[in-house]
Structures are given as structure tokens and as C-alpha cells.
Amino acid sequence: MATPGKQAVFVVLFCSLSITGCKNWSQRGAKGIGLLPKASPGETKFSSYRPKNPYEKLAPGIATRTLFEAASGKGYRVEVRDLLVGPGKRTETVSLPGAAVFEVRSGSGVMTVGGQLRELNLGSTFALSEGETFSIENKGTDAIAMRVHVFHAE
């Protein structure tokens, strides 16, 4: 069993090494890391990458992309889409080509449907009938991302 004198020496030694190590690192800083040099004005080496399925403008303030589309074989089609509304944006009034079920995946705001307001929050789900129009106001600092399942007759 250690004596109280040995324990006190160990604690003092440990504290002094910890303080010295932290002080030395903070004085040295991270070596070899700095800002990249500025690009010259004529430099145009852009990436050749193009997303396979990019977002497209549905209306001012709202973008969409179709992830999946299939016929049921029984007279209707199903589409799975993503909708995106940027932070602080308000969309124009839009409609989708059929009845739709929405799921909010990120962001918060308000959707106006037929003059009535619906709160949009993470995890909210709701449905719209075919032909209903809506607009979205993003009141948050994050984009509103929604997964939408659209059903329409063939």
C-alpha cells in the first residue's frame, strides 16, 4: 500500500507534466497546416463530376428530383421524389401531378394548402389530394427536405 507521501509526490509530478505538455503544445500549435494559396483569376479547373440525378427547379424557391418511378400494372403510377426548400426561402404556389404523401426529413417551416397553414417539423407526415396546390415558407436556418410519394392515374 502506498504511503500518503508517495501519493502526494505522484499527484504533483503528474499535474506538472500535464500542465507542461499542454502549455508546450499550445505554444507550438499545429505545424504544417495553413491556408491554401489563392487561385489565380484565370484558373478554371472545375470538376467533371455530374450527379446522376440532380435536383431541378420545380418553381421559384423549390427544387425536386425523382428517385423512383413505376407503373402498378393496375392503372396508376407511383413516383418517389425529394423536394428541397432552402433556408429562409418562400416558394411560389405549386402542385404535383397526383395525390401525394409527404414526410419531412429535415428543417422546419410552414406549408400553406388551400389557405390553411400546416406546421412542418422533422418527422411530420401528411397527404394532399390530386390537384391541391401548396406553397412552403422555410422559417429555419436549415433546408427543408421532404420525401414525397406521388400517385396518379396512367
C-alpha atoms as a PDB file:
ATOM      1  CA  MET A   1       0.000   0.000   0.000  1.00  0.00           C
ATOM      2  CA  ALA A   2       1.346   3.413  -0.969  1.00  0.00           C
ATOM      3  CA  THR A   3       2.040   5.915   1.748  1.00  0.00           C
ATOM      4  CA  PRO A   4       0.350   9.339   1.671  1.00  0.00           C
ATOM      5  CA  GLY A   5       3.719  10.984   0.978  1.00  0.00           C
ATOM      6  CA  LYS A   6       4.310   8.891  -2.154  1.00  0.00           C
ATOM      7  CA  GLN A   7       0.762   9.596  -3.365  1.00  0.00           C
ATOM      8  CA  ALA A   8       1.261  13.355  -2.939  1.00  0.00           C
ATOM      9  CA  VAL A   9       4.558  13.241  -4.881  1.00  0.00           C
ATOM     10  CA  PHE A  10       2.882  11.268  -7.670  1.00  0.00           C
ATOM     11  CA  VAL A  11      -0.049  13.748  -7.916  1.00  0.00           C
ATOM     12  CA  VAL A  12       2.302  16.782  -8.006  1.00  0.00           C
ATOM     13  CA  LEU A  13       4.524  15.122 -10.637  1.00  0.00           C
ATOM     14  CA  PHE A  14       1.515  14.125 -12.789  1.00  0.00           C
ATOM     15  CA  CYS A  15      -0.012  17.634 -12.638  1.00  0.00           C
ATOM     16  CA  SER A  16       3.249  19.368 -13.514  1.00  0.00           C
ATOM     17  CA  LEU A  17       3.805  17.078 -16.537  1.00  0.00           C
ATOM     18  CA  SER A  18       0.226  17.595 -17.732  1.00  0.00           C
ATOM     19  CA  ILE A  19       0.461  21.390 -17.463  1.00  0.00           C
ATOM     20  CA  THR A  20       3.868  21.461 -19.167  1.00  0.00           C
ATOM     21  CA  GLY A  21       2.687  19.244 -22.010  1.00  0.00           C
ATOM     22  CA  CYS A  22      -0.445  21.311 -22.635  1.00  0.00           C
ATOM     23  CA  LYS A  23       1.481  24.565 -22.424  1.00  0.00           C
ATOM     24  CA  ASN A  24       4.124  23.360 -24.886  1.00  0.00           C
ATOM     25  CA  TRP A  25       1.504  22.166 -27.406  1.00  0.00           C
ATOM     26  CA  SER A  26      -0.448  25.436 -27.202  1.00  0.00           C
ATOM     27  CA  GLN A  27       2.754  27.410 -27.777  1.00  0.00           C
ATOM     28  CA  ARG A  28       3.806  25.228 -30.698  1.00  0.00           C
ATOM     29  CA  GLY A  29       0.410  24.956 -32.377  1.00  0.00           C
ATOM     30  CA  ALA A  30      -0.337  22.591 -35.205  1.00  0.00           C
ATOM     31  CA  LYS A  31       2.661  22.518 -37.523  1.00  0.00           C
ATOM     32  CA  GLY A  32       2.403  22.170 -41.271  1.00  0.00           C
ATOM     33  CA  ILE A  33      -1.239  23.250 -41.521  1.00  0.00           C
ATOM     34  CA  GLY A  34      -2.140  26.540 -43.099  1.00  0.00           C
ATOM     35  CA  LEU A  35      -4.361  28.174 -45.658  1.00  0.00           C
ATOM     36  CA  LEU A  36      -4.232  27.090 -49.262  1.00  0.00           C
ATOM     37  CA  PRO A  37      -2.845  29.656 -51.693  1.00  0.00           C
ATOM     38  CA  LYS A  38      -5.440  31.714 -53.580  1.00  0.00           C
ATOM     39  CA  ALA A  39      -6.327  30.517 -57.062  1.00  0.00           C
ATOM     40  CA  SER A  40      -5.279  32.717 -59.936  1.00  0.00           C
ATOM     41  CA  PRO A  41      -8.114  34.641 -61.654  1.00  0.00           C
ATOM     42  CA  GLY A  42      -7.805  32.605 -64.875  1.00  0.00           C
ATOM     43  CA  GLU A  43      -7.790  29.199 -63.187  1.00  0.00           C
ATOM     44  CA  THR A  44     -10.814  27.182 -64.290  1.00  0.00           C
ATOM     45  CA  LYS A  45     -10.071  23.588 -63.366  1.00  0.00           C
ATOM     46  CA  PHE A  46     -13.605  22.607 -62.449  1.00  0.00           C
ATOM     47  CA  SER A  47     -14.561  19.073 -61.538  1.00  0.00           C
ATOM     48  CA  SER A  48     -16.031  16.973 -64.307  1.00  0.00           C
ATOM     49  CA  TYR A  49     -18.340  15.260 -61.803  1.00  0.00           C
ATOM     50  CA  ARG A  50     -22.045  15.499 -62.596  1.00  0.00           C
ATOM     51  CA  PRO A  51     -24.588  13.943 -60.249  1.00  0.00           C
ATOM     52  CA  LYS A  52     -26.571  11.086 -61.745  1.00  0.00           C
ATOM     53  CA  ASN A  53     -29.893  12.503 -60.592  1.00  0.00           C
ATOM     54  CA  PRO A  54     -29.602  16.243 -59.847  1.00  0.00           C
ATOM     55  CA  TYR A  55     -32.268  18.483 -58.350  1.00  0.00           C
ATOM     56  CA  GLU A  56     -34.235  20.542 -60.855  1.00  0.00           C
ATOM     57  CA  LYS A  57     -36.258  23.690 -60.296  1.00  0.00           C
ATOM     58  CA  LEU A  58     -39.958  22.898 -59.835  1.00  0.00           C
ATOM     59  CA  ALA A  59     -40.843  26.573 -59.262  1.00  0.00           C
ATOM     60  CA  PRO A  60     -39.022  29.567 -57.777  1.00  0.00           C
ATOM     61  CA  GLY A  61     -37.785  28.558 -54.328  1.00  0.00           C
ATOM     62  CA  ILE A  62     -38.346  24.805 -54.621  1.00  0.00           C
ATOM     63  CA  ALA A  63     -36.299  22.056 -56.258  1.00  0.00           C
ATOM     64  CA  THR A  64     -37.203  18.425 -56.911  1.00  0.00           C
ATOM     65  CA  ARG A  65     -35.726  15.184 -58.171  1.00  0.00           C
ATOM     66  CA  THR A  66     -37.403  11.889 -58.982  1.00  0.00           C
ATOM     67  CA  LEU A  67     -35.784   8.927 -57.239  1.00  0.00           C
ATOM     68  CA  PHE A  68     -38.077   6.155 -58.417  1.00  0.00           C
ATOM     69  CA  GLU A  69     -40.974   5.767 -60.801  1.00  0.00           C
ATOM     70  CA  ALA A  70     -43.015   2.677 -61.669  1.00  0.00           C
ATOM     71  CA  ALA A  71     -46.341   1.578 -63.084  1.00  0.00           C
ATOM     72  CA  SER A  72     -48.527  -0.545 -60.850  1.00  0.00           C
ATOM     73  CA  GLY A  73     -49.984  -2.545 -63.717  1.00  0.00           C
ATOM     74  CA  LYS A  74     -53.428  -1.681 -62.334  1.00  0.00           C
ATOM     75  CA  GLY A  75     -53.936   1.759 -63.864  1.00  0.00           C
ATOM     76  CA  TYR A  76     -51.801   4.050 -61.733  1.00  0.00           C
ATOM     77  CA  ARG A  77     -48.182   5.163 -61.388  1.00  0.00           C
ATOM     78  CA  VAL A  78     -46.097   5.756 -58.291  1.00  0.00           C
ATOM     79  CA  GLU A  79     -43.274   8.308 -58.086  1.00  0.00           C
ATOM     80  CA  VAL A  80     -40.899   8.826 -55.189  1.00  0.00           C
ATOM     81  CA  ARG A  81     -39.496  12.360 -55.147  1.00  0.00           C
ATOM     82  CA  ASP A  82     -37.365  14.581 -52.960  1.00  0.00           C
ATOM     83  CA  LEU A  83     -38.389  18.225 -52.502  1.00  0.00           C
ATOM     84  CA  LEU A  84     -35.941  20.834 -51.237  1.00  0.00           C
ATOM     85  CA  VAL A  85     -36.574  24.390 -49.989  1.00  0.00           C
ATOM     86  CA  GLY A  86     -33.579  26.485 -48.945  1.00  0.00           C
ATOM     87  CA  PRO A  87     -33.226  28.286 -45.600  1.00  0.00           C
ATOM     88  CA  GLY A  88     -35.296  31.474 -45.369  1.00  0.00           C
ATOM     89  CA  LYS A  89     -36.969  30.837 -48.761  1.00  0.00           C
ATOM     90  CA  ARG A  90     -40.644  31.068 -49.690  1.00  0.00           C
ATOM     91  CA  THR A  91     -41.865  29.114 -52.703  1.00  0.00           C
ATOM     92  CA  GLU A  92     -44.443  30.049 -55.263  1.00  0.00           C
ATOM     93  CA  THR A  93     -47.679  28.057 -55.312  1.00  0.00           C
ATOM     94  CA  VAL A  94     -47.141  24.649 -56.939  1.00  0.00           C
ATOM     95  CA  SER A  95     -48.943  21.356 -57.416  1.00  0.00           C
ATOM     96  CA  LEU A  96     -47.803  17.809 -58.051  1.00  0.00           C
ATOM     97  CA  PRO A  97     -49.127  15.507 -60.808  1.00  0.00           C
ATOM     98  CA  GLY A  98     -51.290  13.445 -58.450  1.00  0.00           C
ATOM     99  CA  ALA A  99     -52.190  12.708 -54.842  1.00  0.00           C
ATOM    100  CA  ALA A 100     -49.154  12.874 -52.571  1.00  0.00           C
ATOM    101  CA  VAL A 101     -47.926  11.698 -49.172  1.00  0.00           C
ATOM    102  CA  PHE A 102     -45.194  13.917 -47.651  1.00  0.00           C
ATOM    103  CA  GLU A 103     -42.576  13.140 -44.995  1.00  0.00           C
ATOM    104  CA  VAL A 104     -40.428  15.972 -43.613  1.00  0.00           C
ATOM    105  CA  ARG A 105     -36.834  14.728 -43.316  1.00  0.00           C
ATOM    106  CA  SER A 106     -35.135  17.948 -42.201  1.00  0.00           C
ATOM    107  CA  GLY A 107     -35.862  21.582 -41.481  1.00  0.00           C
ATOM    108  CA  SER A 108     -38.937  23.416 -40.241  1.00  0.00           C
ATOM    109  CA  GLY A 109     -41.413  25.872 -41.666  1.00  0.00           C
ATOM    110  CA  VAL A 110     -44.996  26.343 -42.776  1.00  0.00           C
ATOM    111  CA  MET A 111     -46.912  24.901 -45.728  1.00  0.00           C
ATOM    112  CA  THR A 112     -49.995  26.738 -46.980  1.00  0.00           C
ATOM    113  CA  VAL A 113     -52.641  24.482 -48.542  1.00  0.00           C
ATOM    114  CA  GLY A 114     -55.968  25.997 -49.570  1.00  0.00           C
ATOM    115  CA  GLY A 115     -55.467  28.998 -47.285  1.00  0.00           C
ATOM    116  CA  GLN A 116     -54.735  26.810 -44.249  1.00  0.00           C
ATOM    117  CA  LEU A 117     -51.340  26.628 -42.554  1.00  0.00           C
ATOM    118  CA  ARG A 118     -49.606  23.358 -41.683  1.00  0.00           C
ATOM    119  CA  GLU A 119     -46.519  23.286 -39.488  1.00  0.00           C
ATOM    120  CA  LEU A 120     -43.574  21.423 -40.977  1.00  0.00           C
ATOM    121  CA  ASN A 121     -41.228  19.780 -38.499  1.00  0.00           C
ATOM    122  CA  LEU A 122     -38.830  16.853 -38.621  1.00  0.00           C
ATOM    123  CA  GLY A 123     -40.859  13.645 -38.917  1.00  0.00           C
ATOM    124  CA  SER A 124     -44.162  15.316 -39.892  1.00  0.00           C
ATOM    125  CA  THR A 125     -46.259  13.374 -42.392  1.00  0.00           C
ATOM    126  CA  PHE A 126     -49.381  14.453 -44.266  1.00  0.00           C
ATOM    127  CA  ALA A 127     -51.241  13.883 -47.514  1.00  0.00           C
ATOM    128  CA  LEU A 128     -52.583  16.115 -50.300  1.00  0.00           C
ATOM    129  CA  SER A 129     -55.323  15.266 -52.774  1.00  0.00           C
ATOM    130  CA  GLU A 130     -54.748  15.340 -56.503  1.00  0.00           C
ATOM    131  CA  GLY A 131     -54.810  18.904 -57.848  1.00  0.00           C
ATOM    132  CA  GLU A 132     -54.269  20.624 -54.465  1.00  0.00           C
ATOM    133  CA  THR A 133     -51.778  23.479 -54.614  1.00  0.00           C
ATOM    134  CA  PHE A 134     -49.349  24.444 -51.885  1.00  0.00           C
ATOM    135  CA  SER A 135     -46.562  26.853 -51.009  1.00  0.00           C
ATOM    136  CA  ILE A 136     -43.829  26.453 -48.417  1.00  0.00           C
ATOM    137  CA  GLU A 137     -42.096  29.018 -46.240  1.00  0.00           C
ATOM    138  CA  ASN A 138     -38.844  27.884 -44.651  1.00  0.00           C
ATOM    139  CA  LYS A 139     -38.531  29.740 -41.354  1.00  0.00           C
ATOM    140  CA  GLY A 140     -35.432  27.888 -40.199  1.00  0.00           C
ATOM    141  CA  THR A 141     -31.707  28.016 -40.856  1.00  0.00           C
ATOM    142  CA  ASP A 142     -31.609  24.533 -42.415  1.00  0.00           C
ATOM    143  CA  ALA A 143     -33.073  23.414 -45.724  1.00  0.00           C
ATOM    144  CA  ILE A 144     -36.454  21.705 -45.656  1.00  0.00           C
ATOM    145  CA  ALA A 145     -36.064  18.289 -47.251  1.00  0.00           C
ATOM    146  CA  MET A 146     -39.153  16.166 -47.888  1.00  0.00           C
ATOM    147  CA  ARG A 147     -39.672  12.706 -49.335  1.00  0.00           C
ATOM    148  CA  VAL A 148     -42.888  12.642 -51.374  1.00  0.00           C
ATOM    149  CA  HIS A 149     -44.775   9.638 -52.767  1.00  0.00           C
ATOM    150  CA  VAL A 150     -46.969  10.727 -55.688  1.00  0.00           C
ATOM    151  CA  PHE A 151     -49.802   8.537 -57.030  1.00  0.00           C
ATOM    152  CA  HIS A 152     -51.552   9.313 -60.322  1.00  0.00           C
ATOM    153  CA  ALA A 153     -53.601   7.573 -62.990  1.00  0.00           C
ATOM    154  CA  GLU A 154     -51.898   6.326 -66.137  1.00  0.00           C
END
